[in-house]
PDB file of all heavy atoms in Angstrom:
ATOM      1  N   ALA A   1      24.085  55.458 -37.908  1.00  0.00           N
ATOM      2  CA  ALA A   1      22.941  55.832 -37.062  1.00  0.00           C
ATOM      3  C   ALA A   1      22.283  54.696 -36.371  1.00  0.00           C
ATOM      4  O   ALA A   1      21.637  54.882 -35.306  1.00  0.00           O
ATOM      5  CB  ALA A   1      21.883  56.574 -37.913  1.00  0.00           C
ATOM      6  N   LYS A   2      22.450  53.443 -36.831  1.00  0.00           N
ATOM      7  CA  LYS A   2      21.847  52.284 -36.169  1.00  0.00           C
ATOM      8  C   LYS A   2      22.743  51.702 -35.126  1.00  0.00           C
ATOM      9  O   LYS A   2      22.439  50.627 -34.544  1.00  0.00           O
ATOM     10  CB  LYS A   2      21.568  51.197 -37.291  1.00  0.00           C
ATOM     11  CG  LYS A   2      20.513  51.670 -38.278  1.00  0.00           C
ATOM     12  CD  LYS A   2      20.275  50.601 -39.359  1.00  0.00           C
ATOM     13  CE  LYS A   2      19.364  51.088 -40.371  1.00  0.00           C
ATOM     14  NZ  LYS A   2      19.252  50.138 -41.531  1.00  0.00           N
ATOM     15  N   GLY A   3      23.903  52.259 -34.908  1.00  0.00           N
ATOM     16  CA  GLY A   3      24.838  51.685 -33.902  1.00  0.00           C
ATOM     17  C   GLY A   3      25.779  50.647 -34.464  1.00  0.00           C
ATOM     18  O   GLY A   3      26.433  50.034 -33.668  1.00  0.00           O
ATOM     19  N   ILE A   4      25.802  50.460 -35.716  1.00  0.00           N
ATOM     20  CA  ILE A   4      26.675  49.419 -36.305  1.00  0.00           C
ATOM     21  C   ILE A   4      28.027  50.076 -36.492  1.00  0.00           C
ATOM     22  O   ILE A   4      28.123  51.210 -37.042  1.00  0.00           O
ATOM     23  CB  ILE A   4      26.165  48.969 -37.686  1.00  0.00           C
ATOM     24  CG1 ILE A   4      24.695  48.426 -37.544  1.00  0.00           C
ATOM     25  CG2 ILE A   4      27.113  47.956 -38.291  1.00  0.00           C
ATOM     26  CD1 ILE A   4      24.662  47.150 -36.655  1.00  0.00           C
ATOM     27  N   SER A   5      29.087  49.441 -36.089  1.00  0.00           N
ATOM     28  CA  SER A   5      30.441  50.003 -36.146  1.00  0.00           C
ATOM     29  C   SER A   5      31.332  49.260 -37.140  1.00  0.00           C
ATOM     30  O   SER A   5      31.173  48.054 -37.400  1.00  0.00           O
ATOM     31  CB  SER A   5      31.135  49.876 -34.773  1.00  0.00           C
ATOM     32  OG  SER A   5      30.473  50.646 -33.789  1.00  0.00           O
ATOM     33  N   PHE A   6      32.175  50.023 -37.708  1.00  0.00           N
ATOM     34  CA  PHE A   6      33.269  49.504 -38.588  1.00  0.00           C
ATOM     35  C   PHE A   6      34.621  50.004 -38.019  1.00  0.00           C
ATOM     36  O   PHE A   6      34.636  51.138 -37.490  1.00  0.00           O
ATOM     37  CB  PHE A   6      33.159  49.961 -40.008  1.00  0.00           C
ATOM     38  CG  PHE A   6      31.959  49.374 -40.773  1.00  0.00           C
ATOM     39  CD1 PHE A   6      30.688  49.974 -40.673  1.00  0.00           C
ATOM     40  CD2 PHE A   6      32.140  48.262 -41.492  1.00  0.00           C
ATOM     41  CE1 PHE A   6      29.642  49.408 -41.292  1.00  0.00           C
ATOM     42  CE2 PHE A   6      31.020  47.719 -42.145  1.00  0.00           C
ATOM     43  CZ  PHE A   6      29.818  48.274 -42.075  1.00  0.00           C
ATOM     44  N   LEU A   7      35.601  49.178 -38.075  1.00  0.00           N
ATOM     45  CA  LEU A   7      36.931  49.564 -37.591  1.00  0.00           C
ATOM     46  C   LEU A   7      37.865  49.704 -38.764  1.00  0.00           C
ATOM     47  O   LEU A   7      37.845  48.908 -39.650  1.00  0.00           O
ATOM     48  CB  LEU A   7      37.478  48.477 -36.645  1.00  0.00           C
ATOM     49  CG  LEU A   7      36.658  48.201 -35.382  1.00  0.00           C
ATOM     50  CD1 LEU A   7      37.299  47.095 -34.609  1.00  0.00           C
ATOM     51  CD2 LEU A   7      36.461  49.418 -34.539  1.00  0.00           C
ATOM     52  N   VAL A   8      38.676  50.804 -38.738  1.00  0.00           N
ATOM     53  CA  VAL A   8      39.684  50.944 -39.770  1.00  0.00           C
ATOM     54  C   VAL A   8      40.971  50.470 -39.111  1.00  0.00           C
ATOM     55  O   VAL A   8      41.429  50.989 -38.056  1.00  0.00           O
ATOM     56  CB  VAL A   8      39.797  52.443 -40.118  1.00  0.00           C
ATOM     57  CG1 VAL A   8      40.967  52.645 -41.184  1.00  0.00           C
ATOM     58  CG2 VAL A   8      38.513  52.934 -40.720  1.00  0.00           C
ATOM     59  N   MET A   9      41.558  49.445 -39.683  1.00  0.00           N
ATOM     60  CA  MET A   9      42.703  48.766 -39.139  1.00  0.00           C
ATOM     61  C   MET A   9      43.960  49.012 -40.036  1.00  0.00           C
ATOM     62  O   MET A   9      43.876  48.993 -41.220  1.00  0.00           O
ATOM     63  CB  MET A   9      42.477  47.277 -39.073  1.00  0.00           C
ATOM     64  CG  MET A   9      41.175  46.841 -38.305  1.00  0.00           C
ATOM     65  SD  MET A   9      41.087  47.448 -36.635  1.00  0.00           S
ATOM     66  CE  MET A   9      42.441  46.506 -35.893  1.00  0.00           C
ATOM     67  N   ARG A  10      45.085  49.177 -39.387  1.00  0.00           N
ATOM     68  CA  ARG A  10      46.377  49.330 -40.082  1.00  0.00           C
ATOM     69  C   ARG A  10      47.291  48.194 -39.664  1.00  0.00           C
ATOM     70  O   ARG A  10      47.433  47.893 -38.519  1.00  0.00           O
ATOM     71  CB  ARG A  10      47.021  50.704 -39.747  1.00  0.00           C
ATOM     72  CG  ARG A  10      48.265  50.982 -40.538  1.00  0.00           C
ATOM     73  CD  ARG A  10      48.745  52.418 -40.356  1.00  0.00           C
ATOM     74  NE  ARG A  10      47.771  53.388 -40.832  1.00  0.00           N
ATOM     75  CZ  ARG A  10      47.571  54.567 -40.303  1.00  0.00           C
ATOM     76  NH1 ARG A  10      48.247  54.907 -39.268  1.00  0.00           N
ATOM     77  NH2 ARG A  10      46.683  55.358 -40.776  1.00  0.00           N
ATOM     78  N   PHE A  11      47.941  47.583 -40.691  1.00  0.00           N
ATOM     79  CA  PHE A  11      48.852  46.449 -40.420  1.00  0.00           C
ATOM     80  C   PHE A  11      49.867  46.367 -41.516  1.00  0.00           C
ATOM     81  O   PHE A  11      49.793  46.980 -42.563  1.00  0.00           O
ATOM     82  CB  PHE A  11      48.011  45.139 -40.380  1.00  0.00           C
ATOM     83  CG  PHE A  11      47.295  44.840 -41.585  1.00  0.00           C
ATOM     84  CD1 PHE A  11      47.807  44.008 -42.568  1.00  0.00           C
ATOM     85  CD2 PHE A  11      45.950  45.398 -41.829  1.00  0.00           C
ATOM     86  CE1 PHE A  11      47.061  43.724 -43.741  1.00  0.00           C
ATOM     87  CE2 PHE A  11      45.256  45.092 -42.972  1.00  0.00           C
ATOM     88  CZ  PHE A  11      45.834  44.218 -43.940  1.00  0.00           C
ATOM     89  N   ALA A  12      50.927  45.588 -41.185  1.00  0.00           N
ATOM     90  CA  ALA A  12      51.995  45.365 -42.136  1.00  0.00           C
ATOM     91  C   ALA A  12      51.771  44.060 -42.863  1.00  0.00           C
ATOM     92  O   ALA A  12      51.521  43.026 -42.264  1.00  0.00           O
ATOM     93  CB  ALA A  12      53.335  45.321 -41.408  1.00  0.00           C
ATOM     94  N   ALA A  13      51.833  44.142 -44.176  1.00  0.00           N
ATOM     95  CA  ALA A  13      51.692  42.971 -45.021  1.00  0.00           C
ATOM     96  C   ALA A  13      52.952  42.123 -44.979  1.00  0.00           C
ATOM     97  O   ALA A  13      53.963  42.626 -44.528  1.00  0.00           O
ATOM     98  CB  ALA A  13      51.338  43.349 -46.457  1.00  0.00           C
ATOM     99  N   GLU A  14      52.875  40.934 -45.478  1.00  0.00           N
ATOM    100  CA  GLU A  14      53.972  40.014 -45.554  1.00  0.00           C
ATOM    101  C   GLU A  14      55.197  40.621 -46.278  1.00  0.00           C
ATOM    102  O   GLU A  14      56.381  40.398 -45.919  1.00  0.00           O
ATOM    103  CB  GLU A  14      53.529  38.732 -46.224  1.00  0.00           C
ATOM    104  CG  GLU A  14      54.430  37.546 -46.050  1.00  0.00           C
ATOM    105  CD  GLU A  14      53.777  36.343 -46.701  1.00  0.00           C
ATOM    106  OE1 GLU A  14      53.375  36.404 -47.858  1.00  0.00           O
ATOM    107  OE2 GLU A  14      53.694  35.332 -46.039  1.00  0.00           O
ATOM    108  N   ASP A  15      54.951  41.490 -47.293  1.00  0.00           N
ATOM    109  CA  ASP A  15      56.016  42.026 -48.132  1.00  0.00           C
ATOM    110  C   ASP A  15      56.489  43.346 -47.502  1.00  0.00           C
ATOM    111  O   ASP A  15      57.346  44.033 -48.094  1.00  0.00           O
ATOM    112  CB  ASP A  15      55.564  42.240 -49.521  1.00  0.00           C
ATOM    113  CG  ASP A  15      54.400  43.178 -49.682  1.00  0.00           C
ATOM    114  OD1 ASP A  15      53.994  43.766 -48.670  1.00  0.00           O
ATOM    115  OD2 ASP A  15      53.873  43.348 -50.762  1.00  0.00           O
ATOM    116  N   GLY A  16      56.045  43.729 -46.337  1.00  0.00           N
ATOM    117  CA  GLY A  16      56.504  44.941 -45.681  1.00  0.00           C
ATOM    118  C   GLY A  16      55.687  46.176 -45.861  1.00  0.00           C
ATOM    119  O   GLY A  16      55.904  47.222 -45.209  1.00  0.00           O
ATOM    120  N   ARG A  17      54.781  46.115 -46.821  1.00  0.00           N
ATOM    121  CA  ARG A  17      53.893  47.317 -47.024  1.00  0.00           C
ATOM    122  C   ARG A  17      52.981  47.574 -45.889  1.00  0.00           C
ATOM    123  O   ARG A  17      52.427  46.580 -45.260  1.00  0.00           O
ATOM    124  CB  ARG A  17      53.005  47.144 -48.271  1.00  0.00           C
ATOM    125  CG  ARG A  17      53.833  47.229 -49.581  1.00  0.00           C
ATOM    126  CD  ARG A  17      52.935  47.202 -50.777  1.00  0.00           C
ATOM    127  NE  ARG A  17      52.506  45.799 -50.941  1.00  0.00           N
ATOM    128  CZ  ARG A  17      51.543  45.446 -51.801  1.00  0.00           C
ATOM    129  NH1 ARG A  17      50.973  46.339 -52.567  1.00  0.00           N
ATOM    130  NH2 ARG A  17      51.217  44.201 -51.887  1.00  0.00           N
ATOM    131  N   THR A  18      52.641  48.828 -45.577  1.00  0.00           N
ATOM    132  CA  THR A  18      51.653  49.108 -44.538  1.00  0.00           C
ATOM    133  C   THR A  18      50.299  49.262 -45.251  1.00  0.00           C
ATOM    134  O   THR A  18      50.164  50.044 -46.210  1.00  0.00           O
ATOM    135  CB  THR A  18      52.045  50.433 -43.838  1.00  0.00           C
ATOM    136  OG1 THR A  18      53.300  50.209 -43.201  1.00  0.00           O
ATOM    137  CG2 THR A  18      50.992  50.779 -42.788  1.00  0.00           C
ATOM    138  N   LEU A  19      49.352  48.510 -44.777  1.00  0.00           N
ATOM    139  CA  LEU A  19      48.003  48.470 -45.370  1.00  0.00           C
ATOM    140  C   LEU A  19      46.989  48.999 -44.387  1.00  0.00           C
ATOM    141  O   LEU A  19      47.252  48.902 -43.176  1.00  0.00           O
ATOM    142  CB  LEU A  19      47.657  47.117 -45.859  1.00  0.00           C
ATOM    143  CG  LEU A  19      48.575  46.411 -46.832  1.00  0.00           C
ATOM    144  CD1 LEU A  19      48.170  44.964 -47.069  1.00  0.00           C
ATOM    145  CD2 LEU A  19      48.639  47.136 -48.140  1.00  0.00           C
ATOM    146  N   GLN A  20      45.886  49.495 -44.947  1.00  0.00           N
ATOM    147  CA  GLN A  20      44.804  49.972 -44.107  1.00  0.00           C
ATOM    148  C   GLN A  20      43.486  49.385 -44.715  1.00  0.00           C
ATOM    149  O   GLN A  20      43.304  49.428 -45.896  1.00  0.00           O
ATOM    150  CB  GLN A  20      44.819  51.470 -44.108  1.00  0.00           C
ATOM    151  CG  GLN A  20      43.761  52.047 -43.113  1.00  0.00           C
ATOM    152  CD  GLN A  20      44.048  53.520 -42.897  1.00  0.00           C
ATOM    153  OE1 GLN A  20      45.126  53.932 -42.456  1.00  0.00           O
ATOM    154  NE2 GLN A  20      43.044  54.322 -43.137  1.00  0.00           N
ATOM    155  N   ALA A  21      42.669  48.865 -43.818  1.00  0.00           N
ATOM    156  CA  ALA A  21      41.385  48.233 -44.334  1.00  0.00           C
ATOM    157  C   ALA A  21      40.319  48.486 -43.305  1.00  0.00           C
ATOM    158  O   ALA A  21      40.544  48.552 -42.101  1.00  0.00           O
ATOM    159  CB  ALA A  21      41.598  46.771 -44.562  1.00  0.00           C
ATOM    160  N   LYS A  22      39.065  48.519 -43.795  1.00  0.00           N
ATOM    161  CA  LYS A  22      37.937  48.631 -42.933  1.00  0.00           C
ATOM    162  C   LYS A  22      37.374  47.273 -42.709  1.00  0.00           C
ATOM    163  O   LYS A  22      37.135  46.485 -43.693  1.00  0.00           O
ATOM    164  CB  LYS A  22      36.861  49.539 -43.628  1.00  0.00           C
ATOM    165  CG  LYS A  22      35.651  49.829 -42.722  1.00  0.00           C
ATOM    166  CD  LYS A  22      34.610  50.621 -43.477  1.00  0.00           C
ATOM    167  CE  LYS A  22      35.006  51.939 -43.829  1.00  0.00           C
ATOM    168  NZ  LYS A  22      33.842  52.771 -44.298  1.00  0.00           N
ATOM    169  N   VAL A  23      37.143  46.922 -41.463  1.00  0.00           N
ATOM    170  CA  VAL A  23      36.569  45.623 -41.130  1.00  0.00           C
ATOM    171  C   VAL A  23      35.254  45.798 -40.352  1.00  0.00           C
ATOM    172  O   VAL A  23      35.070  46.836 -39.722  1.00  0.00           O
ATOM    173  CB  VAL A  23      37.478  44.679 -40.356  1.00  0.00           C
ATOM    174  CG1 VAL A  23      38.770  44.335 -41.142  1.00  0.00           C
ATOM    175  CG2 VAL A  23      37.939  45.307 -39.047  1.00  0.00           C
ATOM    176  N   GLY A  24      34.369  44.820 -40.437  1.00  0.00           N
ATOM    177  CA  GLY A  24      33.081  44.943 -39.772  1.00  0.00           C
ATOM    178  C   GLY A  24      31.983  44.440 -40.668  1.00  0.00           C
ATOM    179  O   GLY A  24      32.296  43.872 -41.763  1.00  0.00           O
ATOM    180  N   PRO A  25      30.809  44.535 -40.321  1.00  0.00           N
ATOM    181  CA  PRO A  25      30.184  45.392 -39.276  1.00  0.00           C
ATOM    182  C   PRO A  25      30.195  44.645 -37.927  1.00  0.00           C
ATOM    183  O   PRO A  25      30.247  43.467 -37.865  1.00  0.00           O
ATOM    184  CB  PRO A  25      28.740  45.585 -39.749  1.00  0.00           C
ATOM    185  CG  PRO A  25      28.490  44.322 -40.528  1.00  0.00           C
ATOM    186  CD  PRO A  25      29.752  43.914 -41.190  1.00  0.00           C
ATOM    187  N   PHE A  26      30.193  45.439 -36.876  1.00  0.00           N
ATOM    188  CA  PHE A  26      30.147  44.965 -35.500  1.00  0.00           C
ATOM    189  C   PHE A  26      29.062  45.618 -34.688  1.00  0.00           C
ATOM    190  O   PHE A  26      28.901  46.843 -34.834  1.00  0.00           O
ATOM    191  CB  PHE A  26      31.492  45.280 -34.772  1.00  0.00           C
ATOM    192  CG  PHE A  26      32.688  44.712 -35.429  1.00  0.00           C
ATOM    193  CD1 PHE A  26      33.585  45.508 -36.143  1.00  0.00           C
ATOM    194  CD2 PHE A  26      33.021  43.346 -35.283  1.00  0.00           C
ATOM    195  CE1 PHE A  26      34.717  45.014 -36.754  1.00  0.00           C
ATOM    196  CE2 PHE A  26      34.140  42.869 -35.785  1.00  0.00           C
ATOM    197  CZ  PHE A  26      35.001  43.662 -36.570  1.00  0.00           C
ATOM    198  N   ARG A  27      28.366  44.907 -33.902  1.00  0.00           N
ATOM    199  CA  ARG A  27      27.475  45.500 -32.884  1.00  0.00           C
ATOM    200  C   ARG A  27      28.323  45.915 -31.699  1.00  0.00           C
ATOM    201  O   ARG A  27      28.132  47.019 -31.129  1.00  0.00           O
ATOM    202  CB  ARG A  27      26.421  44.495 -32.429  1.00  0.00           C
ATOM    203  CG  ARG A  27      25.316  44.339 -33.337  1.00  0.00           C
ATOM    204  CD  ARG A  27      24.168  45.315 -32.907  1.00  0.00           C
ATOM    205  NE  ARG A  27      23.126  45.199 -33.887  1.00  0.00           N
ATOM    206  CZ  ARG A  27      22.463  46.250 -34.318  1.00  0.00           C
ATOM    207  NH1 ARG A  27      22.666  47.457 -33.873  1.00  0.00           N
ATOM    208  NH2 ARG A  27      21.472  46.092 -35.139  1.00  0.00           N
ATOM    209  N   ASN A  28      29.288  45.065 -31.298  1.00  0.00           N
ATOM    210  CA  ASN A  28      30.202  45.379 -30.221  1.00  0.00           C
ATOM    211  C   ASN A  28      31.615  45.229 -30.781  1.00  0.00           C
ATOM    212  O   ASN A  28      32.106  44.044 -30.844  1.00  0.00           O
ATOM    213  CB  ASN A  28      29.965  44.423 -29.039  1.00  0.00           C
ATOM    214  CG  ASN A  28      28.589  44.574 -28.472  1.00  0.00           C
ATOM    215  OD1 ASN A  28      28.172  45.663 -28.161  1.00  0.00           O
ATOM    216  ND2 ASN A  28      27.893  43.424 -28.276  1.00  0.00           N
ATOM    217  N   PRO A  29      32.240  46.295 -31.203  1.00  0.00           N
ATOM    218  CA  PRO A  29      33.564  46.169 -31.818  1.00  0.00           C
ATOM    219  C   PRO A  29      34.545  45.520 -30.857  1.00  0.00           C
ATOM    220  O   PRO A  29      34.559  45.764 -29.634  1.00  0.00           O
ATOM    221  CB  PRO A  29      33.969  47.626 -32.090  1.00  0.00           C
ATOM    222  CG  PRO A  29      32.674  48.392 -32.073  1.00  0.00           C
ATOM    223  CD  PRO A  29      31.797  47.631 -31.146  1.00  0.00           C
ATOM    224  N   PRO A  30      35.473  44.692 -31.364  1.00  0.00           N
ATOM    225  CA  PRO A  30      36.451  43.988 -30.592  1.00  0.00           C
ATOM    226  C   PRO A  30      37.655  44.879 -30.133  1.00  0.00           C
ATOM    227  O   PRO A  30      38.524  44.406 -29.448  1.00  0.00           O
ATOM    228  CB  PRO A  30      36.891  42.810 -31.440  1.00  0.00           C
ATOM    229  CG  PRO A  30      36.730  43.337 -32.806  1.00  0.00           C
ATOM    230  CD  PRO A  30      35.514  44.224 -32.780  1.00  0.00           C
ATOM    231  N   ALA A  31      37.667  46.143 -30.561  1.00  0.00           N
ATOM    232  CA  ALA A  31      38.820  47.002 -30.227  1.00  0.00           C
ATOM    233  C   ALA A  31      38.380  48.455 -30.249  1.00  0.00           C
ATOM    234  O   ALA A  31      37.468  48.830 -30.947  1.00  0.00           O
ATOM    235  CB  ALA A  31      39.933  46.835 -31.176  1.00  0.00           C
ATOM    236  N   LEU A  32      39.048  49.236 -29.422  1.00  0.00           N
ATOM    237  CA  LEU A  32      38.900  50.696 -29.495  1.00  0.00           C
ATOM    238  C   LEU A  32      40.051  51.270 -30.272  1.00  0.00           C
ATOM    239  O   LEU A  32      40.996  50.575 -30.617  1.00  0.00           O
ATOM    240  CB  LEU A  32      38.991  51.251 -28.007  1.00  0.00           C
ATOM    241  CG  LEU A  32      37.909  50.788 -27.080  1.00  0.00           C
ATOM    242  CD1 LEU A  32      38.196  51.225 -25.632  1.00  0.00           C
ATOM    243  CD2 LEU A  32      36.527  51.215 -27.543  1.00  0.00           C
ATOM    244  N   VAL A  33      39.991  52.517 -30.626  1.00  0.00           N
ATOM    245  CA  VAL A  33      41.053  53.176 -31.337  1.00  0.00           C
ATOM    246  C   VAL A  33      42.352  53.016 -30.517  1.00  0.00           C
ATOM    247  O   VAL A  33      42.349  53.303 -29.311  1.00  0.00           O
ATOM    248  CB  VAL A  33      40.728  54.649 -31.596  1.00  0.00           C
ATOM    249  CG1 VAL A  33      41.907  55.370 -32.257  1.00  0.00           C
ATOM    250  CG2 VAL A  33      39.506  54.750 -32.542  1.00  0.00           C
TER     251      VAL A  33
END
């Protein structure tokens, strides 16, 4: 409600697993979906 954004990011780990993590908080997020 305060305009603070979190991004849910998906990436491949070094061992090949696909991981998902929430990063932030951001006032102006560095990426769109």
